[in-house]
Amino acid sequence: MSGDALVRIVLVEDHALVRTGLRTSFAAAGFDVVAEAADGVSGFAAVERERPDVAVVDVGLPGKDGVELTRELKAMPDPPGVVVLTMQERPDAVLAAIAAGADAYCVKSSDVSFVVDAVRAVAAGGAYFDPRIAGVVLRRVVSPGAPPERSPLTPRETDVLKLIAEGVGNAEIAERLNLGLGTVKGHVADILEKLEASDRAHAAVTAFRRGLIS
């Protein structure tokens, strides 16, 4: 879809408060939540009916869990992008969702900006993984023992990047490190440039892979 087109979302989440919070964040980002569902069966029906650009799917759904729903959605003709949400950071849960065809995987306890970034990336045809998830998976699949590279980052940039990798948003990073919000945004921009990363998740993945953070 074109970059300025309105992203249409079906939100499948069994907790009403979580749905409300996500709906508000998506609206603020300019997305259109065209349908909501509280279980996997009605979620599939909503996607089949609305044909959204992106389905945002909770893993722990009643009736049909999010991994099974993701697999069924991806088997549809012209399937939507799928962003999976979960409370779990276990590598087996992450890998199961990836195997089912998920385009993005976000942890609910991370800053909601990561979910917004994930929807935007998936709508544009890309993929996205919460930095916390990237670390969990990479620790399993990357062989240990490789010496870390010499870091191009300053110590303060490394501090910021470690918090990004924990799923912390800019405002909380500023509070934790006693920095101004503008200063944090500047550090994030410098980190992305130095690591040649397209976004925060990409920066975290790159840093884990190169041994710059652990």
Protein backbone atom coordinates (compact mmCIF):
# COMPACT_ATOMS: atom_id res chain seq x y z
CA MET A 1 0.00 0.00 0.00
CA SER A 2 1.17 3.56 -0.54
CA GLY A 3 2.83 5.40 2.30
CA ASP A 4 0.05 7.94 2.72
CA ALA A 5 -2.85 5.45 2.57
CA LEU A 6 -4.90 4.92 5.71
CA VAL A 7 -3.91 1.66 7.41
CA ARG A 8 -6.98 -0.48 8.10
CA ILE A 9 -6.71 -2.74 11.17
CA VAL A 10 -8.72 -5.58 12.67
CA LEU A 11 -7.89 -5.85 16.38
CA VAL A 12 -8.28 -9.30 17.96
CA GLU A 13 -7.72 -9.09 21.73
CA ASP A 14 -9.80 -10.60 24.54
CA HIS A 15 -9.12 -7.89 27.16
CA ALA A 16 -11.39 -4.87 26.70
CA LEU A 17 -9.03 -2.43 28.43
CA VAL A 18 -6.13 -3.48 26.22
CA ARG A 19 -8.31 -3.09 23.13
CA THR A 20 -9.31 0.40 24.24
CA GLY A 21 -5.72 1.46 24.81
CA LEU A 22 -4.56 0.09 21.48
CA ARG A 23 -7.52 1.62 19.63
CA THR A 24 -6.66 5.04 21.09
CA SER A 25 -2.98 4.71 20.14
CA PHE A 26 -3.82 3.52 16.64
CA ALA A 27 -6.23 6.42 16.11
CA ALA A 28 -3.56 8.88 17.28
CA ALA A 29 -1.18 7.36 14.71
CA GLY A 30 -3.74 7.85 11.94
CA PHE A 31 -4.76 4.20 11.61
CA ASP A 32 -8.36 3.01 11.17
CA VAL A 33 -9.57 0.15 13.39
CA VAL A 34 -12.33 -1.23 11.18
CA ALA A 35 -13.34 -4.13 13.47
CA GLU A 36 -12.59 -5.67 16.85
CA ALA A 37 -12.98 -9.19 18.18
CA ALA A 38 -12.48 -10.83 21.56
CA ASP A 39 -11.77 -14.40 20.41
CA GLY A 40 -10.05 -16.21 17.57
CA VAL A 41 -13.17 -17.50 15.82
CA SER A 42 -14.86 -14.09 15.55
CA GLY A 43 -11.45 -12.58 14.77
CA PHE A 44 -11.11 -14.75 11.68
CA ALA A 45 -14.64 -13.82 10.62
CA ALA A 46 -13.88 -10.11 11.08
CA VAL A 47 -10.74 -10.32 8.95
CA GLU A 48 -12.57 -12.32 6.29
CA ARG A 49 -15.32 -9.69 6.24
CA GLU A 50 -13.25 -6.51 6.41
CA ARG A 51 -10.08 -7.52 4.51
CA PRO A 52 -7.83 -5.19 6.54
CA ASP A 53 -4.23 -4.32 5.78
CA VAL A 54 -3.11 -5.57 9.20
CA ALA A 55 -4.55 -7.91 11.84
CA VAL A 56 -3.29 -7.27 15.37
CA VAL A 57 -3.66 -10.60 17.17
CA ASP A 58 -3.19 -11.53 20.83
CA VAL A 59 -1.60 -14.95 21.38
CA GLY A 60 -3.77 -15.97 24.36
CA LEU A 61 -7.19 -15.88 22.70
CA PRO A 62 -10.16 -18.04 23.73
CA GLY A 63 -11.69 -20.35 21.15
CA LYS A 64 -8.70 -20.31 18.82
CA ASP A 65 -5.29 -19.15 19.99
CA GLY A 66 -3.32 -16.46 18.23
CA VAL A 67 -0.78 -18.82 16.65
CA GLU A 68 -3.52 -20.94 15.08
CA LEU A 69 -5.39 -17.81 13.98
CA THR A 70 -2.22 -16.40 12.43
CA ARG A 71 -1.68 -19.62 10.49
CA GLU A 72 -5.26 -19.51 9.16
CA LEU A 73 -5.06 -15.81 8.26
CA LYS A 74 -1.84 -16.36 6.34
CA ALA A 75 -3.51 -19.18 4.37
CA MET A 76 -6.17 -16.78 3.05
CA PRO A 77 -5.98 -15.41 -0.50
CA ASP A 78 -4.31 -11.98 -0.28
CA PRO A 79 -3.69 -12.35 3.48
CA PRO A 80 -3.30 -9.38 5.83
CA GLY A 81 -0.10 -8.54 7.62
CA VAL A 82 -0.18 -10.00 11.13
CA VAL A 83 1.18 -8.34 14.26
CA VAL A 84 1.20 -10.77 17.20
CA LEU A 85 0.90 -9.45 20.75
CA THR A 86 1.85 -11.43 23.82
CA MET A 87 2.86 -11.26 27.46
CA GLN A 88 5.38 -14.02 26.78
CA GLU A 89 9.06 -13.56 25.95
CA ARG A 90 9.83 -17.28 25.68
CA PRO A 91 11.81 -18.16 22.54
CA ASP A 92 9.55 -21.15 21.78
CA ALA A 93 6.46 -18.94 21.78
CA VAL A 94 8.16 -16.39 19.53
CA LEU A 95 9.39 -19.03 17.10
CA ALA A 96 5.93 -20.66 16.98
CA ALA A 97 4.38 -17.35 15.93
CA ILE A 98 7.09 -16.78 13.33
CA ALA A 99 6.57 -20.29 11.96
CA ALA A 100 2.83 -19.57 11.70
CA GLY A 101 3.63 -16.59 9.45
CA ALA A 102 3.54 -13.61 11.82
CA ASP A 103 5.09 -10.48 10.31
CA ALA A 104 5.67 -8.80 13.67
CA TYR A 105 5.85 -9.81 17.32
CA CYS A 106 5.40 -7.34 20.19
CA VAL A 107 5.40 -7.71 23.97
CA LYS A 108 2.45 -6.04 25.71
CA SER A 109 4.61 -4.70 28.54
CA SER A 110 6.77 -2.73 26.09
CA ASP A 111 5.96 0.87 25.22
CA VAL A 112 2.89 1.06 22.94
CA SER A 113 4.97 3.00 20.42
CA PHE A 114 6.58 -0.32 19.47
CA VAL A 115 3.18 -1.74 18.47
CA VAL A 116 2.45 1.37 16.41
CA ASP A 117 5.86 1.03 14.72
CA ALA A 118 5.13 -2.65 14.07
CA VAL A 119 1.78 -1.91 12.39
CA ARG A 120 3.38 0.78 10.25
CA ALA A 121 6.23 -1.51 9.20
CA VAL A 122 3.96 -4.46 8.40
CA ALA A 123 1.50 -2.28 6.46
CA ALA A 124 4.43 -1.18 4.31
CA GLY A 125 5.32 -4.80 3.56
CA GLY A 126 8.08 -5.18 6.15
CA ALA A 127 8.58 -7.09 9.38
CA TYR A 128 9.11 -5.99 12.98
CA PHE A 129 10.15 -7.66 16.19
CA ASP A 130 10.08 -6.05 19.61
CA PRO A 131 13.70 -5.47 20.68
CA ARG A 132 13.13 -7.59 23.79
CA ILE A 133 12.01 -10.46 21.59
CA ALA A 134 14.94 -9.97 19.24
CA GLY A 135 17.29 -10.40 22.17
CA VAL A 136 15.53 -13.54 23.42
CA VAL A 137 15.62 -15.20 20.01
CA LEU A 138 19.14 -14.13 19.13
CA ARG A 139 20.48 -15.45 22.42
CA ARG A 140 19.15 -18.86 21.38
CA VAL A 141 20.21 -18.89 17.72
CA VAL A 142 23.49 -16.95 17.74
CA SER A 143 26.50 -19.02 18.75
CA PRO A 144 28.14 -17.79 21.95
CA GLY A 145 31.79 -17.04 22.31
CA ALA A 146 32.26 -14.64 19.40
CA PRO A 147 34.21 -11.60 20.59
CA PRO A 148 32.20 -8.37 20.62
CA GLU A 149 33.04 -5.73 18.06
CA ARG A 150 34.55 -2.42 19.02
CA SER A 151 31.50 -0.29 19.65
CA PRO A 152 30.93 2.87 17.62
CA LEU A 153 28.61 4.11 20.37
CA THR A 154 29.42 6.40 23.27
CA PRO A 155 28.77 5.04 26.79
CA ARG A 156 25.61 7.18 27.05
CA GLU A 157 24.35 5.95 23.68
CA THR A 158 24.95 2.41 24.88
CA ASP A 159 22.88 3.14 28.00
CA VAL A 160 20.05 4.42 25.78
CA LEU A 161 20.29 1.42 23.47
CA LYS A 162 20.10 -1.05 26.37
CA LEU A 163 16.82 0.55 27.48
CA ILE A 164 15.51 0.48 23.90
CA ALA A 165 16.28 -3.25 23.90
CA GLU A 166 14.17 -3.61 27.05
CA GLY A 167 11.20 -2.10 25.23
CA VAL A 168 11.36 1.28 26.97
CA GLY A 169 10.02 4.38 25.20
CA ASN A 170 11.81 7.71 24.89
CA ALA A 171 9.96 9.46 27.73
CA GLU A 172 10.81 6.73 30.25
CA ILE A 173 14.41 6.59 28.99
CA ALA A 174 14.68 10.33 29.67
CA GLU A 175 13.33 9.82 33.18
CA ARG A 176 15.54 6.85 34.00
CA LEU A 177 18.74 8.48 32.71
CA ASN A 178 17.84 11.97 33.95
CA LEU A 179 18.03 13.43 30.45
CA GLY A 180 15.84 15.80 28.47
CA LEU A 181 13.46 14.19 25.97
CA GLY A 182 15.14 16.09 23.14
CA THR A 183 18.52 14.75 24.23
CA VAL A 184 17.20 11.19 24.19
CA LYS A 185 15.75 11.67 20.71
CA GLY A 186 19.14 12.98 19.59
CA HIS A 187 20.89 9.93 21.02
CA VAL A 188 18.40 7.62 19.29
CA ALA A 189 19.00 9.36 15.95
CA ASP A 190 22.78 9.03 16.42
CA ILE A 191 22.43 5.35 17.34
CA LEU A 192 20.39 4.61 14.21
CA GLU A 193 22.94 6.42 12.05
CA LYS A 194 25.99 4.74 13.59
CA LEU A 195 24.46 1.25 13.39
CA GLU A 196 22.94 1.92 9.95
CA ALA A 197 19.61 0.81 11.40
CA SER A 198 16.20 1.62 9.94
CA ASP A 199 14.39 1.76 13.30
CA ARG A 200 14.77 1.10 17.02
CA ALA A 201 14.11 -2.64 16.76
CA HIS A 202 16.64 -2.96 13.94
CA ALA A 203 19.20 -1.12 16.08
CA ALA A 204 18.64 -3.49 18.99
CA VAL A 205 18.90 -6.57 16.77
CA THR A 206 22.08 -5.24 15.20
CA ALA A 207 23.59 -4.50 18.62
CA PHE A 208 22.76 -7.97 19.97
CA ARG A 209 24.15 -9.64 16.85
CA ARG A 210 27.40 -7.65 16.97
CA GLY A 211 27.83 -8.17 20.71
CA LEU A 212 27.54 -4.45 21.51
CA ILE A 213 24.95 -5.21 24.19
CA SER A 214 23.97 -8.45 25.90
